[in-house]
Amino acid sequence: MSENDIETKLETFFAVFRKRLEEKKEELRKKYEQLLNAEKERIEKEIVEFETSTMKKAEMEAKRMIDKEISKLTAELRREKIIYKNKLITEILSRLKEKLMNLPPERKKLLYKKLYEEARRVAPDENFTVYCNPNDLGIVSEIVGGEKIVSDPNVREGILLKKDRMLVRSTIDTFLEDRKEAIYDIIVKKVGEI
């Protein structure tokens, strides 16, 4: 074999070797490029998932904080409404009591009759002693008929029925207290919910 033949064969061998090397190089480049792209996609997906979960957590925490503040404000508003309602009812009951205490005699007689009837409902068959203020003795004696009446300056704005250890209090205060919710309902109908 001649030197030219050897050189030609060597050149052919190196050309084939270079070609295969280039093919292998290109194959490896594509393979690593695919791996690199896959890793980039995985990292980008992980970043998006992290951002999404972090945003969800932040949104949930913000919602929780807002709900907590709304609950606090709602509770505070309820407390304020109750305080206002109680003040309003107290003021109205105080004014009603003042008006009831200063009724003209005929209307006062009707009120005391109502107080007496309500007191008697507790124990209708009992024989009570009726206690009233000296200023109301005339009105009370007209209402109770034959029952024993005792004038007592300590009894204010109403009557007491006593027998042994039993005491039935029927005063303007008890009259208004028994009707407190009904009075509040009337207010609500007139001016709306408080």
Protein backbone atom coordinates (compact mmCIF):
# COMPACT_ATOMS: atom_id res chain seq x y z
CA MET A 1 0.00 0.00 0.00
CA SER A 2 1.27 3.34 -0.94
CA GLU A 3 1.68 6.28 1.19
CA ASN A 4 -1.02 8.08 -0.69
CA ASP A 5 -3.43 5.26 -0.11
CA ILE A 6 -2.65 5.34 3.57
CA GLU A 7 -3.09 9.08 3.64
CA THR A 8 -6.34 8.84 1.74
CA LYS A 9 -7.59 6.12 4.07
CA LEU A 10 -6.51 8.15 7.05
CA GLU A 11 -8.23 11.22 5.71
CA THR A 12 -11.34 9.20 5.00
CA PHE A 13 -11.12 7.66 8.48
CA PHE A 14 -10.68 11.10 10.06
CA ALA A 15 -13.50 12.53 7.93
CA VAL A 16 -15.80 9.71 9.06
CA PHE A 17 -14.52 10.14 12.65
CA ARG A 18 -15.13 13.93 12.49
CA LYS A 19 -18.55 13.37 10.98
CA ARG A 20 -19.48 10.88 13.73
CA LEU A 21 -17.98 13.20 16.33
CA GLU A 22 -20.08 16.08 14.97
CA GLU A 23 -23.16 13.83 14.95
CA LYS A 24 -22.47 12.72 18.52
CA LYS A 25 -21.76 16.31 19.52
CA GLU A 26 -25.06 17.44 17.92
CA GLU A 27 -26.91 14.53 19.56
CA LEU A 28 -25.47 15.43 22.98
CA ARG A 29 -26.17 19.12 22.43
CA LYS A 30 -29.84 18.35 21.61
CA LYS A 31 -30.10 15.97 24.56
CA TYR A 32 -28.65 18.49 27.02
CA GLU A 33 -30.71 21.28 25.49
CA GLN A 34 -33.87 19.17 26.07
CA LEU A 35 -32.74 18.45 29.65
CA LEU A 36 -31.99 22.13 30.18
CA ASN A 37 -35.40 23.15 28.77
CA ALA A 38 -37.14 20.53 30.92
CA GLU A 39 -35.30 21.83 34.01
CA LYS A 40 -36.19 25.44 33.10
CA GLU A 41 -39.84 24.44 32.73
CA ARG A 42 -39.75 22.60 36.08
CA ILE A 43 -38.18 25.61 37.81
CA GLU A 44 -40.65 28.03 36.19
CA LYS A 45 -43.55 25.77 37.20
CA GLU A 46 -42.18 25.57 40.75
CA ILE A 47 -41.86 29.37 40.87
CA VAL A 48 -45.44 29.81 39.63
CA GLU A 49 -46.70 27.24 42.18
CA PHE A 50 -44.76 29.00 44.96
CA GLU A 51 -46.12 32.40 43.91
CA THR A 52 -49.66 31.01 43.69
CA SER A 53 -49.50 29.30 47.08
CA THR A 54 -47.89 32.37 48.66
CA MET A 55 -50.58 34.60 47.16
CA LYS A 56 -53.32 32.23 48.34
CA LYS A 57 -51.83 32.23 51.83
CA ALA A 58 -51.58 36.02 51.80
CA GLU A 59 -55.16 36.35 50.51
CA MET A 60 -56.41 33.91 53.14
CA GLU A 61 -54.56 35.78 55.88
CA ALA A 62 -55.91 39.11 54.63
CA LYS A 63 -59.45 37.67 54.51
CA ARG A 64 -59.03 36.25 58.02
CA MET A 65 -57.81 39.62 59.31
CA ILE A 66 -60.70 41.45 57.61
CA ASP A 67 -63.23 38.93 58.94
CA LYS A 68 -61.76 39.32 62.42
CA GLU A 69 -62.07 43.12 62.24
CA ILE A 70 -65.61 42.87 60.88
CA SER A 71 -66.50 40.54 63.76
CA LYS A 72 -64.99 42.97 66.27
CA LEU A 73 -66.84 45.91 64.76
CA THR A 74 -70.09 43.94 64.57
CA ALA A 75 -69.78 42.93 68.22
CA GLU A 76 -68.96 46.52 69.20
CA LEU A 77 -71.92 47.79 67.18
CA ARG A 78 -74.21 45.25 68.88
CA ARG A 79 -72.95 46.37 72.29
CA GLU A 80 -73.50 50.01 71.36
CA LYS A 81 -77.00 49.20 70.09
CA ILE A 82 -77.83 47.38 73.33
CA ILE A 83 -76.50 50.27 75.41
CA TYR A 84 -78.46 52.76 73.30
CA LYS A 85 -81.59 50.58 73.41
CA ASN A 86 -81.34 50.27 77.19
CA LYS A 87 -80.79 54.01 77.60
CA LEU A 88 -83.73 54.74 75.33
CA ILE A 89 -86.01 52.27 77.12
CA THR A 90 -84.90 53.62 80.51
CA GLU A 91 -85.60 57.18 79.40
CA ILE A 92 -88.99 56.27 77.95
CA LEU A 93 -89.95 54.24 81.03
CA SER A 94 -88.85 57.10 83.25
CA ARG A 95 -91.04 59.54 81.31
CA LEU A 96 -93.96 57.09 81.30
CA LYS A 97 -93.58 56.60 85.04
CA GLU A 98 -93.61 60.36 85.56
CA LYS A 99 -96.78 60.66 83.48
CA LEU A 100 -98.46 57.75 85.28
CA MET A 101 -97.58 59.22 88.68
CA ASN A 102 -99.21 62.52 87.73
CA LEU A 103 -102.43 61.23 86.17
CA PRO A 104 -105.68 63.07 86.90
CA PRO A 105 -107.75 61.30 89.63
CA GLU A 106 -110.13 59.44 87.28
CA ARG A 107 -107.31 58.05 85.15
CA LYS A 108 -105.26 57.26 88.25
CA LYS A 109 -108.23 55.28 89.56
CA LEU A 110 -108.26 53.22 86.32
CA LEU A 111 -104.52 52.59 86.64
CA TYR A 112 -104.82 51.47 90.27
CA LYS A 113 -107.75 49.23 89.35
CA LYS A 114 -105.51 47.61 86.72
CA LEU A 115 -102.68 47.23 89.28
CA TYR A 116 -105.07 45.65 91.79
CA GLU A 117 -106.52 43.22 89.21
CA GLU A 118 -103.03 42.12 88.15
CA ALA A 119 -102.01 41.59 91.78
CA ARG A 120 -105.15 39.53 92.49
CA ARG A 121 -104.41 37.21 89.55
CA VAL A 122 -101.44 35.82 91.50
CA ALA A 123 -103.70 34.34 94.19
CA PRO A 124 -107.36 35.15 93.45
CA ASP A 125 -108.87 33.20 96.36
CA GLU A 126 -106.64 34.58 99.13
CA ASN A 127 -107.69 37.23 101.64
CA PHE A 128 -104.96 39.82 101.50
CA THR A 129 -104.33 43.01 103.37
CA VAL A 130 -103.91 45.83 100.84
CA TYR A 131 -101.14 48.35 101.54
CA CYS A 132 -101.04 51.71 99.79
CA ASN A 133 -99.67 55.20 100.20
CA PRO A 134 -101.81 57.54 102.36
CA ASN A 135 -102.27 59.85 99.36
CA ASP A 136 -103.86 56.96 97.41
CA LEU A 137 -106.09 55.63 100.21
CA GLY A 138 -109.32 57.11 98.77
CA ILE A 139 -108.76 55.65 95.29
CA VAL A 140 -107.65 52.25 96.63
CA SER A 141 -110.63 51.95 99.03
CA GLU A 142 -113.03 52.51 96.10
CA ILE A 143 -111.32 49.75 94.10
CA VAL A 144 -110.77 46.96 96.65
CA GLY A 145 -114.17 47.03 98.27
CA GLY A 146 -114.30 45.06 101.53
CA GLU A 147 -110.64 44.03 101.86
CA LYS A 148 -108.59 45.37 104.74
CA ILE A 149 -106.55 48.41 103.69
CA VAL A 150 -103.47 49.70 105.50
CA SER A 151 -102.06 53.15 104.80
CA ASP A 152 -98.25 52.98 104.60
CA PRO A 153 -96.07 55.96 103.55
CA ASN A 154 -93.35 53.53 102.43
CA VAL A 155 -95.57 52.20 99.65
CA ARG A 156 -95.01 54.34 96.58
CA GLU A 157 -96.78 54.43 93.22
CA GLY A 158 -98.98 51.36 93.62
CA ILE A 159 -100.21 48.73 96.03
CA LEU A 160 -98.92 45.73 97.94
CA LEU A 161 -100.97 42.68 98.84
CA LYS A 162 -99.73 40.90 101.98
CA LYS A 163 -100.76 37.77 103.77
CA ASP A 164 -98.51 35.96 106.21
CA ARG A 165 -95.22 35.56 104.31
CA MET A 166 -96.72 36.15 100.89
CA LEU A 167 -96.22 39.55 99.25
CA VAL A 168 -97.55 40.64 95.85
CA ARG A 169 -96.13 43.92 94.59
CA SER A 170 -98.12 45.78 91.94
CA THR A 171 -96.67 49.23 91.32
CA ILE A 172 -96.09 51.55 88.41
CA ASP A 173 -92.55 50.12 88.21
CA THR A 174 -93.78 46.51 87.98
CA PHE A 175 -96.50 47.61 85.55
CA LEU A 176 -93.91 49.19 83.24
CA GLU A 177 -91.38 46.38 83.68
CA ASP A 178 -93.98 43.81 82.65
CA ARG A 179 -94.64 45.82 79.51
CA LYS A 180 -91.06 46.74 78.68
CA GLU A 181 -90.80 44.52 75.56
CA ALA A 182 -94.24 45.61 74.31
CA ILE A 183 -93.16 49.25 74.72
CA TYR A 184 -89.96 48.51 72.82
CA ASP A 185 -91.99 46.82 70.04
CA ILE A 186 -94.15 49.93 69.73
CA ILE A 187 -91.02 52.08 69.45
CA VAL A 188 -89.62 49.79 66.76
CA LYS A 189 -92.87 50.01 64.80
CA LYS A 190 -92.80 53.80 65.01
CA VAL A 191 -89.12 54.54 64.37
CA GLY A 192 -87.62 51.28 63.10
CA GLU A 193 -85.12 48.82 64.57
CA ILE A 194 -82.55 50.28 66.91
